[in-house]
PDB file of N, CA and C in Angstrom:
ATOM      1  N   UNK A   1       0.845  -1.188   0.000  1.00  0.00           N
ATOM      2  CA  UNK A   1       0.000   0.000   0.000  1.00  0.00           C
ATOM      3  C   UNK A   1       0.885   1.243   0.000  1.00  0.00           C
ATOM      4  N   UNK A   2       0.451   2.273  -0.687  1.00  0.00           N
ATOM      5  CA  UNK A   2       1.233   3.502  -0.700  1.00  0.00           C
ATOM      6  C   UNK A   2       1.007   4.275   0.591  1.00  0.00           C
ATOM      7  N   UNK A   3       1.954   5.136   0.890  1.00  0.00           N
ATOM      8  CA  UNK A   3       1.852   5.934   2.114  1.00  0.00           C
ATOM      9  C   UNK A   3       0.595   6.798   2.138  1.00  0.00           C
ATOM     10  N   UNK A   4       0.264   7.422   1.011  1.00  0.00           N
ATOM     11  CA  UNK A   4      -0.915   8.298   0.974  1.00  0.00           C
ATOM     12  C   UNK A   4      -2.186   7.496   1.244  1.00  0.00           C
ATOM     13  N   UNK A   5      -2.287   6.286   0.683  1.00  0.00           N
ATOM     14  CA  UNK A   5      -3.456   5.437   0.937  1.00  0.00           C
ATOM     15  C   UNK A   5      -3.534   5.060   2.417  1.00  0.00           C
ATOM     16  N   UNK A   6      -2.407   4.647   2.983  1.00  0.00           N
ATOM     17  CA  UNK A   6      -2.394   4.273   4.405  1.00  0.00           C
ATOM     18  C   UNK A   6      -2.744   5.481   5.262  1.00  0.00           C
ATOM     19  N   UNK A   7      -2.146   6.643   4.960  1.00  0.00           N
ATOM     20  CA  UNK A   7      -2.462   7.849   5.713  1.00  0.00           C
ATOM     21  C   UNK A   7      -3.951   8.180   5.617  1.00  0.00           C
ATOM     22  N   UNK A   8      -4.535   8.027   4.439  1.00  0.00           N
ATOM     23  CA  UNK A   8      -5.955   8.349   4.255  1.00  0.00           C
ATOM     24  C   UNK A   8      -6.839   7.423   5.085  1.00  0.00           C
ATOM     25  N   UNK A   9      -6.567   6.130   5.026  1.00  0.00           N
ATOM     26  CA  UNK A   9      -7.337   5.175   5.832  1.00  0.00           C
ATOM     27  C   UNK A   9      -7.122   5.426   7.325  1.00  0.00           C
ATOM     28  N   UNK A  10      -5.892   5.738   7.694  1.00  0.00           N
ATOM     29  CA  UNK A  10      -5.569   6.057   9.089  1.00  0.00           C
ATOM     30  C   UNK A  10      -6.383   7.256   9.563  1.00  0.00           C
ATOM     31  N   UNK A  11      -6.454   8.283   8.721  1.00  0.00           N
ATOM     32  CA  UNK A  11      -7.197   9.495   9.091  1.00  0.00           C
ATOM     33  C   UNK A  11      -8.679   9.202   9.278  1.00  0.00           C
ATOM     34  N   UNK A  12      -9.248   8.396   8.394  1.00  0.00           N
ATOM     35  CA  UNK A  12     -10.667   8.052   8.526  1.00  0.00           C
ATOM     36  C   UNK A  12     -10.913   7.358   9.863  1.00  0.00           C
ATOM     37  N   UNK A  13     -10.042   6.417  10.205  1.00  0.00           N
ATOM     38  CA  UNK A  13     -10.212   5.701  11.475  1.00  0.00           C
ATOM     39  C   UNK A  13     -10.050   6.617  12.675  1.00  0.00           C
ATOM     40  N   UNK A  14      -9.043   7.502  12.630  1.00  0.00           N
ATOM     41  CA  UNK A  14      -8.850   8.403  13.765  1.00  0.00           C
ATOM     42  C   UNK A  14     -10.026   9.357  13.923  1.00  0.00           C
ATOM     43  N   UNK A  15     -10.457   9.934  12.831  1.00  0.00           N
ATOM     44  CA  UNK A  15     -11.566  10.883  12.908  1.00  0.00           C
ATOM     45  C   UNK A  15     -12.845  10.184  13.360  1.00  0.00           C
ATOM     46  N   UNK A  16     -13.121   9.007  12.813  1.00  0.00           N
ATOM     47  CA  UNK A  16     -14.324   8.266  13.227  1.00  0.00           C
ATOM     48  C   UNK A  16     -14.250   7.902  14.707  1.00  0.00           C
ATOM     49  N   UNK A  17     -13.071   7.469  15.166  1.00  0.00           N
ATOM     50  CA  UNK A  17     -12.916   7.130  16.583  1.00  0.00           C
ATOM     51  C   UNK A  17     -13.128   8.324  17.488  1.00  0.00           C
ATOM     52  N   UNK A  18     -12.511   9.430  17.120  1.00  0.00           N
ATOM     53  CA  UNK A  18     -12.683  10.646  17.932  1.00  0.00           C
ATOM     54  C   UNK A  18     -14.116  11.166  17.856  1.00  0.00           C
ATOM     55  N   UNK A  19     -14.738  11.052  16.682  1.00  0.00           N
ATOM     56  CA  UNK A  19     -16.115  11.502  16.525  1.00  0.00           C
ATOM     57  C   UNK A  19     -17.063  10.694  17.407  1.00  0.00           C
ATOM     58  N   UNK A  20     -16.803   9.398  17.530  1.00  0.00           N
ATOM     59  CA  UNK A  20     -17.638   8.562  18.405  1.00  0.00           C
ATOM     60  C   UNK A  20     -17.582   9.076  19.840  1.00  0.00           C
ATOM     61  N   UNK A  21     -16.392   9.444  20.288  1.00  0.00           N
ATOM     62  CA  UNK A  21     -16.261   9.999  21.638  1.00  0.00           C
ATOM     63  C   UNK A  21     -16.912  11.378  21.725  1.00  0.00           C
ATOM     64  N   UNK A  22     -16.817  12.164  20.665  1.00  0.00           N
ATOM     65  CA  UNK A  22     -17.458  13.481  20.615  1.00  0.00           C
ATOM     66  C   UNK A  22     -18.967  13.321  20.809  1.00  0.00           C
ATOM     67  N   UNK A  23     -19.559  12.385  20.058  1.00  0.00           N
ATOM     68  CA  UNK A  23     -21.009  12.144  20.159  1.00  0.00           C
ATOM     69  C   UNK A  23     -21.389  11.734  21.578  1.00  0.00           C
ATOM     70  N   UNK A  24     -20.593  10.845  22.156  1.00  0.00           N
ATOM     71  CA  UNK A  24     -20.881  10.392  23.520  1.00  0.00           C
ATOM     72  C   UNK A  24     -20.753  11.543  24.522  1.00  0.00           C
ATOM     73  N   UNK A  25     -19.667  12.282  24.467  1.00  0.00           N
ATOM     74  CA  UNK A  25     -19.391  13.311  25.471  1.00  0.00           C
ATOM     75  C   UNK A  25     -20.167  14.610  25.239  1.00  0.00           C
ATOM     76  N   UNK A  26     -20.298  15.020  23.982  1.00  0.00           N
ATOM     77  CA  UNK A  26     -20.889  16.322  23.695  1.00  0.00           C
ATOM     78  C   UNK A  26     -22.373  16.266  23.379  1.00  0.00           C
ATOM     79  N   UNK A  27     -22.823  15.113  22.905  1.00  0.00           N
ATOM     80  CA  UNK A  27     -24.224  14.979  22.508  1.00  0.00           C
ATOM     81  C   UNK A  27     -25.009  14.091  23.465  1.00  0.00           C
ATOM     82  N   UNK A  28     -24.364  13.686  24.562  1.00  0.00           N
ATOM     83  CA  UNK A  28     -25.007  12.834  25.570  1.00  0.00           C
ATOM     84  C   UNK A  28     -25.571  11.541  24.991  1.00  0.00           C
ATOM     85  N   UNK A  29     -24.844  10.958  24.058  1.00  0.00           N
ATOM     86  CA  UNK A  29     -25.260   9.688  23.460  1.00  0.00           C
ATOM     87  C   UNK A  29     -24.873   8.535  24.388  1.00  0.00           C
ATOM     88  N   UNK A  30     -25.342   7.366  24.046  1.00  0.00           N
ATOM     89  CA  UNK A  30     -25.071   6.164  24.823  1.00  0.00           C
ATOM     90  C   UNK A  30     -23.577   5.877  24.916  1.00  0.00           C
ATOM     91  N   UNK A  31     -23.169   5.296  26.027  1.00  0.00           N
ATOM     92  CA  UNK A  31     -21.783   4.888  26.212  1.00  0.00           C
ATOM     93  C   UNK A  31     -21.338   3.829  25.208  1.00  0.00           C
ATOM     94  N   UNK A  32     -22.291   3.195  24.548  1.00  0.00           N
ATOM     95  CA  UNK A  32     -21.964   2.202  23.523  1.00  0.00           C
ATOM     96  C   UNK A  32     -21.203   2.825  22.362  1.00  0.00           C
ATOM     97  N   UNK A  33     -21.303   4.139  22.199  1.00  0.00           N
ATOM     98  CA  UNK A  33     -20.551   4.831  21.154  1.00  0.00           C
ATOM     99  C   UNK A  33     -19.041   4.665  21.358  1.00  0.00           C
ATOM    100  N   UNK A  34     -18.630   4.412  22.594  1.00  0.00           N
ATOM    101  CA  UNK A  34     -17.195   4.285  22.860  1.00  0.00           C
ATOM    102  C   UNK A  34     -16.609   3.004  22.272  1.00  0.00           C
ATOM    103  N   UNK A  35     -17.400   1.957  22.121  1.00  0.00           N
ATOM    104  CA  UNK A  35     -16.875   0.693  21.571  1.00  0.00           C
ATOM    105  C   UNK A  35     -16.358   0.850  20.140  1.00  0.00           C
ATOM    106  N   UNK A  36     -17.152   1.367  19.208  1.00  0.00           N
ATOM    107  CA  UNK A  36     -16.575   1.564  17.873  1.00  0.00           C
ATOM    108  C   UNK A  36     -15.485   2.630  17.885  1.00  0.00           C
ATOM    109  N   UNK A  37     -15.603   3.586  18.806  1.00  0.00           N
ATOM    110  CA  UNK A  37     -14.558   4.608  18.916  1.00  0.00           C
ATOM    111  C   UNK A  37     -13.213   4.003  19.265  1.00  0.00           C
ATOM    112  N   UNK A  38     -13.200   3.126  20.243  1.00  0.00           N
ATOM    113  CA  UNK A  38     -11.950   2.460  20.648  1.00  0.00           C
ATOM    114  C   UNK A  38     -11.427   1.583  19.518  1.00  0.00           C
ATOM    115  N   UNK A  39     -12.304   0.836  18.867  1.00  0.00           N
ATOM    116  CA  UNK A  39     -11.873  -0.031  17.760  1.00  0.00           C
ATOM    117  C   UNK A  39     -11.236   0.789  16.635  1.00  0.00           C
ATOM    118  N   UNK A  40     -11.845   1.899  16.300  1.00  0.00           N
ATOM    119  CA  UNK A  40     -11.285   2.758  15.255  1.00  0.00           C
ATOM    120  C   UNK A  40      -9.925   3.317  15.668  1.00  0.00           C
ATOM    121  N   UNK A  41      -9.796   3.732  16.919  1.00  0.00           N
ATOM    122  CA  UNK A  41      -8.525   4.306  17.373  1.00  0.00           C
ATOM    123  C   UNK A  41      -7.420   3.251  17.441  1.00  0.00           C
ATOM    124  N   UNK A  42      -7.767   2.010  17.751  1.00  0.00           N
ATOM    125  CA  UNK A  42      -6.767   0.930  17.707  1.00  0.00           C
ATOM    126  C   UNK A  42      -6.319   0.713  16.262  1.00  0.00           C
ATOM    127  N   UNK A  43      -7.260   0.685  15.339  1.00  0.00           N
ATOM    128  CA  UNK A  43      -6.920   0.536  13.920  1.00  0.00           C
ATOM    129  C   UNK A  43      -6.059   1.684  13.427  1.00  0.00           C
ATOM    130  N   UNK A  44      -6.383   2.889  13.843  1.00  0.00           N
ATOM    131  CA  UNK A  44      -5.595   4.075  13.499  1.00  0.00           C
ATOM    132  C   UNK A  44      -4.154   3.928  13.972  1.00  0.00           C
ATOM    133  N   UNK A  45      -3.975   3.548  15.221  1.00  0.00           N
ATOM    134  CA  UNK A  45      -2.625   3.429  15.780  1.00  0.00           C
ATOM    135  C   UNK A  45      -1.833   2.340  15.063  1.00  0.00           C
ATOM    136  N   UNK A  46      -2.475   1.219  14.765  1.00  0.00           N
ATOM    137  CA  UNK A  46      -1.784   0.144  14.059  1.00  0.00           C
ATOM    138  C   UNK A  46      -1.368   0.593  12.654  1.00  0.00           C
ATOM    139  N   UNK A  47      -2.299   1.172  11.904  1.00  0.00           N
ATOM    140  CA  UNK A  47      -1.984   1.567  10.528  1.00  0.00           C
ATOM    141  C   UNK A  47      -0.852   2.583  10.461  1.00  0.00           C
ATOM    142  N   UNK A  48      -0.797   3.462  11.437  1.00  0.00           N
ATOM    143  CA  UNK A  48       0.264   4.469  11.421  1.00  0.00           C
ATOM    144  C   UNK A  48       1.643   3.831  11.536  1.00  0.00           C
ATOM    145  N   UNK A  49       1.707   2.629  12.106  1.00  0.00           N
ATOM    146  CA  UNK A  49       3.000   1.936  12.196  1.00  0.00           C
ATOM    147  C   UNK A  49       3.399   1.293  10.868  1.00  0.00           C
ATOM    148  N   UNK A  50       2.491   1.276   9.895  1.00  0.00           N
ATOM    149  CA  UNK A  50       2.762   0.615   8.614  1.00  0.00           C
ATOM    150  C   UNK A  50       3.365   1.547   7.563  1.00  0.00           C
ATOM    151  N   UNK A  51       3.593   2.796   7.919  1.00  0.00           N
ATOM    152  CA  UNK A  51       4.184   3.752   6.986  1.00  0.00           C
ATOM    153  C   UNK A  51       5.665   3.439   6.831  1.00  0.00           C
ATOM    154  N   UNK A  52       6.138   3.459   5.595  1.00  0.00           N
ATOM    155  CA  UNK A  52       7.523   3.105   5.300  1.00  0.00           C
ATOM    156  C   UNK A  52       8.433   4.332   5.414  1.00  0.00           C
ATOM    157  N   UNK A  53       8.747   4.696   6.641  1.00  0.00           N
ATOM    158  CA  UNK A  53       9.716   5.758   6.916  1.00  0.00           C
ATOM    159  C   UNK A  53      10.653   5.264   8.009  1.00  0.00           C
ATOM    160  N   UNK A  54      11.795   5.949   8.133  1.00  0.00           N
ATOM    161  CA  UNK A  54      12.814   5.465   9.064  1.00  0.00           C
ATOM    162  C   UNK A  54      12.553   5.845  10.523  1.00  0.00           C
ATOM    163  N   UNK A  55      11.736   6.867  10.757  1.00  0.00           N
ATOM    164  CA  UNK A  55      11.508   7.334  12.128  1.00  0.00           C
ATOM    165  C   UNK A  55      10.022   7.597  12.362  1.00  0.00           C
ATOM    166  N   UNK A  56       9.555   7.246  13.532  1.00  0.00           N
ATOM    167  CA  UNK A  56       8.144   7.426  13.884  1.00  0.00           C
ATOM    168  C   UNK A  56       7.729   8.896  13.789  1.00  0.00           C
ATOM    169  N   UNK A  57       8.558   9.784  14.278  1.00  0.00           N
ATOM    170  CA  UNK A  57       8.225  11.211  14.254  1.00  0.00           C
ATOM    171  C   UNK A  57       7.977  11.728  12.853  1.00  0.00           C
ATOM    172  N   UNK A  58       8.734  11.223  11.882  1.00  0.00           N
ATOM    173  CA  UNK A  58       8.533  11.637  10.488  1.00  0.00           C
ATOM    174  C   UNK A  58       7.189  11.128   9.978  1.00  0.00           C
ATOM    175  N   UNK A  59       6.811   9.923  10.334  1.00  0.00           N
ATOM    176  CA  UNK A  59       5.506   9.396   9.931  1.00  0.00           C
ATOM    177  C   UNK A  59       4.389  10.242  10.529  1.00  0.00           C
ATOM    178  N   UNK A  60       4.525  10.586  11.800  1.00  0.00           N
ATOM    179  CA  UNK A  60       3.489  11.387  12.461  1.00  0.00           C
ATOM    180  C   UNK A  60       3.386  12.778  11.837  1.00  0.00           C
ATOM    181  N   UNK A  61       4.531  13.380  11.541  1.00  0.00           N
ATOM    182  CA  UNK A  61       4.538  14.724  10.955  1.00  0.00           C
ATOM    183  C   UNK A  61       3.903  14.710   9.567  1.00  0.00           C
ATOM    184  N   UNK A  62       4.273  13.732   8.747  1.00  0.00           N
ATOM    185  CA  UNK A  62       3.714  13.647   7.401  1.00  0.00           C
ATOM    186  C   UNK A  62       2.215  13.362   7.453  1.00  0.00           C
ATOM    187  N   UNK A  63       1.798  12.550   8.389  1.00  0.00           N
ATOM    188  CA  UNK A  63       0.394  12.209   8.551  1.00  0.00           C
ATOM    189  C   UNK A  63      -0.460  13.438   8.856  1.00  0.00           C
ATOM    190  N   UNK A  64       0.109  14.397   9.537  1.00  0.00           N
ATOM    191  CA  UNK A  64      -0.644  15.575   9.953  1.00  0.00           C
ATOM    192  C   UNK A  64      -1.366  16.272   8.813  1.00  0.00           C
ATOM    193  N   UNK A  65      -0.711  16.414   7.674  1.00  0.00           N
ATOM    194  CA  UNK A  65      -1.343  17.088   6.534  1.00  0.00           C
ATOM    195  C   UNK A  65      -2.531  16.325   5.987  1.00  0.00           C
ATOM    196  N   UNK A  66      -2.394  15.008   5.921  1.00  0.00           N
ATOM    197  CA  UNK A  66      -3.500  14.183   5.438  1.00  0.00           C
ATOM    198  C   UNK A  66      -4.659  14.237   6.429  1.00  0.00           C
ATOM    199  N   UNK A  67      -4.337  14.250   7.720  1.00  0.00           N
ATOM    200  CA  UNK A  67      -5.367  14.334   8.752  1.00  0.00           C
ATOM    201  C   UNK A  67      -6.176  15.627   8.609  1.00  0.00           C
ATOM    202  N   UNK A  68      -5.492  16.734   8.350  1.00  0.00           N
ATOM    203  CA  UNK A  68      -6.186  18.021   8.208  1.00  0.00           C
ATOM    204  C   UNK A  68      -7.177  17.965   7.049  1.00  0.00           C
ATOM    205  N   UNK A  69      -6.740  17.469   5.901  1.00  0.00           N
ATOM    206  CA  UNK A  69      -7.622  17.394   4.736  1.00  0.00           C
ATOM    207  C   UNK A  69      -8.777  16.421   4.986  1.00  0.00           C
ATOM    208  N   UNK A  70      -8.494  15.288   5.600  1.00  0.00           N
ATOM    209  CA  UNK A  70      -9.554  14.330   5.916  1.00  0.00           C
ATOM    210  C   UNK A  70     -10.563  14.934   6.898  1.00  0.00           C
ATOM    211  N   UNK A  71     -10.080  15.734   7.834  1.00  0.00           N
ATOM    212  CA  UNK A  71     -10.980  16.394   8.788  1.00  0.00           C
ATOM    213  C   UNK A  71     -11.905  17.376   8.067  1.00  0.00           C
ATOM    214  N   UNK A  72     -11.377  18.080   7.089  1.00  0.00           N
ATOM    215  CA  UNK A  72     -12.209  19.005   6.320  1.00  0.00           C
ATOM    216  C   UNK A  72     -13.223  18.242   5.475  1.00  0.00           C
ATOM    217  N   UNK A  73     -12.834  17.091   4.937  1.00  0.00           N
ATOM    218  CA  UNK A  73     -13.780  16.257   4.192  1.00  0.00           C
ATOM    219  C   UNK A  73     -14.876  15.738   5.128  1.00  0.00           C
ATOM    220  N   UNK A  74     -14.494  15.352   6.339  1.00  0.00           N
ATOM    221  CA  UNK A  74     -15.471  14.902   7.343  1.00  0.00           C
ATOM    222  C   UNK A  74     -16.436  16.045   7.677  1.00  0.00           C
ATOM    223  N   UNK A  75     -15.888  17.228   7.865  1.00  0.00           N
ATOM    224  CA  UNK A  75     -16.699  18.414   8.154  1.00  0.00           C
ATOM    225  C   UNK A  75     -17.792  18.575   7.102  1.00  0.00           C
ATOM    226  N   UNK A  76     -17.408  18.428   5.846  1.00  0.00           N
ATOM    227  CA  UNK A  76     -18.353  18.619   4.752  1.00  0.00           C
ATOM    228  C   UNK A  76     -19.278  17.417   4.588  1.00  0.00           C
ATOM    229  N   UNK A  77     -18.702  16.226   4.505  1.00  0.00           N
ATOM    230  CA  UNK A  77     -19.491  15.038   4.212  1.00  0.00           C
ATOM    231  C   UNK A  77     -20.361  14.539   5.348  1.00  0.00           C
ATOM    232  N   UNK A  78     -19.836  14.573   6.552  1.00  0.00           N
ATOM    233  CA  UNK A  78     -20.559  13.997   7.694  1.00  0.00           C
ATOM    234  C   UNK A  78     -21.321  15.038   8.521  1.00  0.00           C
ATOM    235  N   UNK A  79     -20.801  16.266   8.545  1.00  0.00           N
ATOM    236  CA  UNK A  79     -21.434  17.287   9.372  1.00  0.00           C
ATOM    237  C   UNK A  79     -22.182  18.340   8.554  1.00  0.00           C
ATOM    238  N   UNK A  80     -22.042  18.271   7.241  1.00  0.00           N
ATOM    239  CA  UNK A  80     -22.803  19.149   6.371  1.00  0.00           C
ATOM    240  C   UNK A  80     -22.349  20.596   6.354  1.00  0.00           C
ATOM    241  N   UNK A  81     -21.160  20.877   6.840  1.00  0.00           N
ATOM    242  CA  UNK A  81     -20.632  22.251   6.832  1.00  0.00           C
ATOM    243  C   UNK A  81     -19.531  22.326   5.785  1.00  0.00           C
ATOM    244  N   UNK A  82     -19.775  23.047   4.713  1.00  0.00           N
ATOM    245  CA  UNK A  82     -18.811  23.127   3.617  1.00  0.00           C
ATOM    246  C   UNK A  82     -17.589  23.948   4.041  1.00  0.00           C
ATOM    247  N   UNK A  83     -16.390  23.393   3.822  1.00  0.00           N
ATOM    248  CA  UNK A  83     -15.176  24.158   4.133  1.00  0.00           C
ATOM    249  C   UNK A  83     -15.133  25.453   3.308  1.00  0.00           C
ATOM    250  N   UNK A  84     -14.633  26.508   3.913  1.00  0.00           N
ATOM    251  CA  UNK A  84     -14.551  27.777   3.195  1.00  0.00           C
ATOM    252  C   UNK A  84     -13.194  27.913   2.490  1.00  0.00           C
ATOM    253  N   UNK A  85     -12.981  29.048   1.873  1.00  0.00           N
ATOM    254  CA  UNK A  85     -11.752  29.305   1.127  1.00  0.00           C
ATOM    255  C   UNK A  85     -10.520  29.089   1.991  1.00  0.00           C
ATOM    256  N   UNK A  86     -10.539  29.602   3.207  1.00  0.00           N
ATOM    257  CA  UNK A  86      -9.367  29.517   4.080  1.00  0.00           C
ATOM    258  C   UNK A  86      -9.122  28.092   4.564  1.00  0.00           C
ATOM    259  N   UNK A  87     -10.187  27.336   4.763  1.00  0.00           N
ATOM    260  CA  UNK A  87     -10.023  25.908   5.069  1.00  0.00           C
ATOM    261  C   UNK A  87      -9.291  25.213   3.924  1.00  0.00           C
ATOM    262  N   UNK A  88      -9.705  25.526   2.691  1.00  0.00           N
ATOM    263  CA  UNK A  88      -9.099  24.899   1.511  1.00  0.00           C
ATOM    264  C   UNK A  88      -7.638  25.295   1.346  1.00  0.00           C
ATOM    265  N   UNK A  89      -7.330  26.563   1.539  1.00  0.00           N
ATOM    266  CA  UNK A  89      -5.938  27.022   1.447  1.00  0.00           C
ATOM    267  C   UNK A  89      -5.093  26.338   2.515  1.00  0.00           C
ATOM    268  N   UNK A  90      -5.583  26.313   3.731  1.00  0.00           N
ATOM    269  CA  UNK A  90      -4.851  25.671   4.819  1.00  0.00           C
ATOM    270  C   UNK A  90      -4.632  24.189   4.558  1.00  0.00           C
ATOM    271  N   UNK A  91      -5.657  23.511   4.058  1.00  0.00           N
ATOM    272  CA  UNK A  91      -5.525  22.093   3.732  1.00  0.00           C
ATOM    273  C   UNK A  91      -4.481  21.858   2.644  1.00  0.00           C
ATOM    274  N   UNK A  92      -4.475  22.716   1.630  1.00  0.00           N
ATOM    275  CA  UNK A  92      -3.484  22.572   0.549  1.00  0.00           C
ATOM    276  C   UNK A  92      -2.067  22.774   1.081  1.00  0.00           C
ATOM    277  N   UNK A  93      -1.888  23.743   1.951  1.00  0.00           N
ATOM    278  CA  UNK A  93      -0.562  23.974   2.547  1.00  0.00           C
ATOM    279  C   UNK A  93      -0.126  22.749   3.347  1.00  0.00           C
ATOM    280  N   UNK A  94      -1.052  22.162   4.094  1.00  0.00           N
ATOM    281  CA  UNK A  94      -0.722  20.978   4.892  1.00  0.00           C
ATOM    282  C   UNK A  94      -0.329  19.797   4.013  1.00  0.00           C
ATOM    283  N   UNK A  95      -1.050  19.589   2.906  1.00  0.00           N
ATOM    284  CA  UNK A  95      -0.704  18.491   2.002  1.00  0.00           C
ATOM    285  C   UNK A  95       0.659  18.738   1.370  1.00  0.00           C
ATOM    286  N   UNK A  96       0.940  19.971   1.011  1.00  0.00           N
ATOM    287  CA  UNK A  96       2.259  20.290   0.474  1.00  0.00           C
ATOM    288  C   UNK A  96       3.340  19.935   1.495  1.00  0.00           C
ATOM    289  N   UNK A  97       3.112  20.254   2.753  1.00  0.00           N
ATOM    290  CA  UNK A  97       4.054  19.894   3.810  1.00  0.00           C
ATOM    291  C   UNK A  97       4.232  18.391   3.926  1.00  0.00           C
ATOM    292  N   UNK A  98       3.142  17.655   3.819  1.00  0.00           N
ATOM    293  CA  UNK A  98       3.221  16.197   3.864  1.00  0.00           C
ATOM    294  C   UNK A  98       4.092  15.667   2.729  1.00  0.00           C
ATOM    295  N   UNK A  99       3.885  16.193   1.528  1.00  0.00           N
ATOM    296  CA  UNK A  99       4.664  15.738   0.374  1.00  0.00           C
ATOM    297  C   UNK A  99       6.149  16.055   0.540  1.00  0.00           C
ATOM    298  N   UNK A 100       6.451  17.229   1.073  1.00  0.00           N
ATOM    299  CA  UNK A 100       7.851  17.591   1.304  1.00  0.00           C
ATOM    300  C   UNK A 100       8.486  16.635   2.314  1.00  0.00           C
ATOM    301  N   UNK A 101       7.777  16.350   3.385  1.00  0.00           N
ATOM    302  CA  UNK A 101       8.312  15.453   4.413  1.00  0.00           C
ATOM    303  C   UNK A 101       8.518  14.046   3.846  1.00  0.00           C
ATOM    304  N   UNK A 102       7.544  13.547   3.098  1.00  0.00           N
ATOM    305  CA  UNK A 102       7.642  12.172   2.599  1.00  0.00           C
ATOM    306  C   UNK A 102       8.640  12.007   1.455  1.00  0.00           C
ATOM    307  N   UNK A 103       8.686  12.975   0.548  1.00  0.00           N
ATOM    308  CA  UNK A 103       9.452  12.773  -0.674  1.00  0.00           C
ATOM    309  C   UNK A 103      10.671  13.686  -0.828  1.00  0.00           C
ATOM    310  N   UNK A 104      10.925  14.517   0.180  1.00  0.00           N
ATOM    311  CA  UNK A 104      12.109  15.370   0.120  1.00  0.00           C
ATOM    312  C   UNK A 104      13.381  14.530   0.140  1.00  0.00           C
ATOM    313  N   UNK A 105      14.433  15.012  -0.509  1.00  0.00           N
ATOM    314  CA  UNK A 105      15.686  14.248  -0.511  1.00  0.00           C
ATOM    315  C   UNK A 105      16.266  14.149   0.900  1.00  0.00           C
ATOM    316  N   UNK A 106      16.814  13.015   1.215  1.00  0.00           N
ATOM    317  CA  UNK A 106      17.416  12.773   2.520  1.00  0.00           C
ATOM    318  C   UNK A 106      18.904  12.561   2.341  1.00  0.00           C
ATOM    319  N   UNK A 107      19.662  13.079   3.276  1.00  0.00           N
ATOM    320  CA  UNK A 107      21.111  12.847   3.262  1.00  0.00           C
ATOM    321  C   UNK A 107      21.378  11.382   3.572  1.00  0.00           C
ATOM    322  N   UNK A 108      22.324  10.814   2.896  1.00  0.00           N
ATOM    323  CA  UNK A 108      22.694   9.418   3.136  1.00  0.00           C
ATOM    324  C   UNK A 108      23.621   9.358   4.333  1.00  0.00           C
ATOM    325  N   UNK A 109      23.242   8.550   5.321  1.00  0.00           N
ATOM    326  CA  UNK A 109      24.067   8.400   6.527  1.00  0.00           C
ATOM    327  C   UNK A 109      25.321   7.608   6.170  1.00  0.00           C
ATOM    328  N   UNK A 110      26.460   8.061   6.666  1.00  0.00           N
ATOM    329  CA  UNK A 110      27.717   7.338   6.357  1.00  0.00           C
ATOM    330  C   UNK A 110      28.088   6.380   7.443  1.00  0.00           C
TER     331      UNK A 110
END
C-alpha cells in the first residue's frame, strides 16, 4: 500500500474514533458509542505503524497534513458544513508539507 493510501485510511479511522467519543461526550449519546470509537482508534494506531519511513516522528509529521484534509472532508461530508476558502488554502498547505516530508531528498548516513 502507498503511504498516501495508508495515511488516508488512518485518518478516517482516527476521525471516526474521535467523533464517536465526541457524540458520547458532547451529545449525551449512549456509552456504547465508545466501543466503535476504541476499535477505530486501535486501527488508526496500528496503521500508522505501517508507513515506510525510518523514524516514527517523520511518519506522524507527514500524517498531519493528510489528517487536516480528511478532517475538512469529514466536516463537509458527515457534518454538512462546507469548508470555506481559508479551510481549503490551509488544507493545501498541509498536504504540500506532507509531500515535502515524505518525498524530500534525505542525506545518506555514512
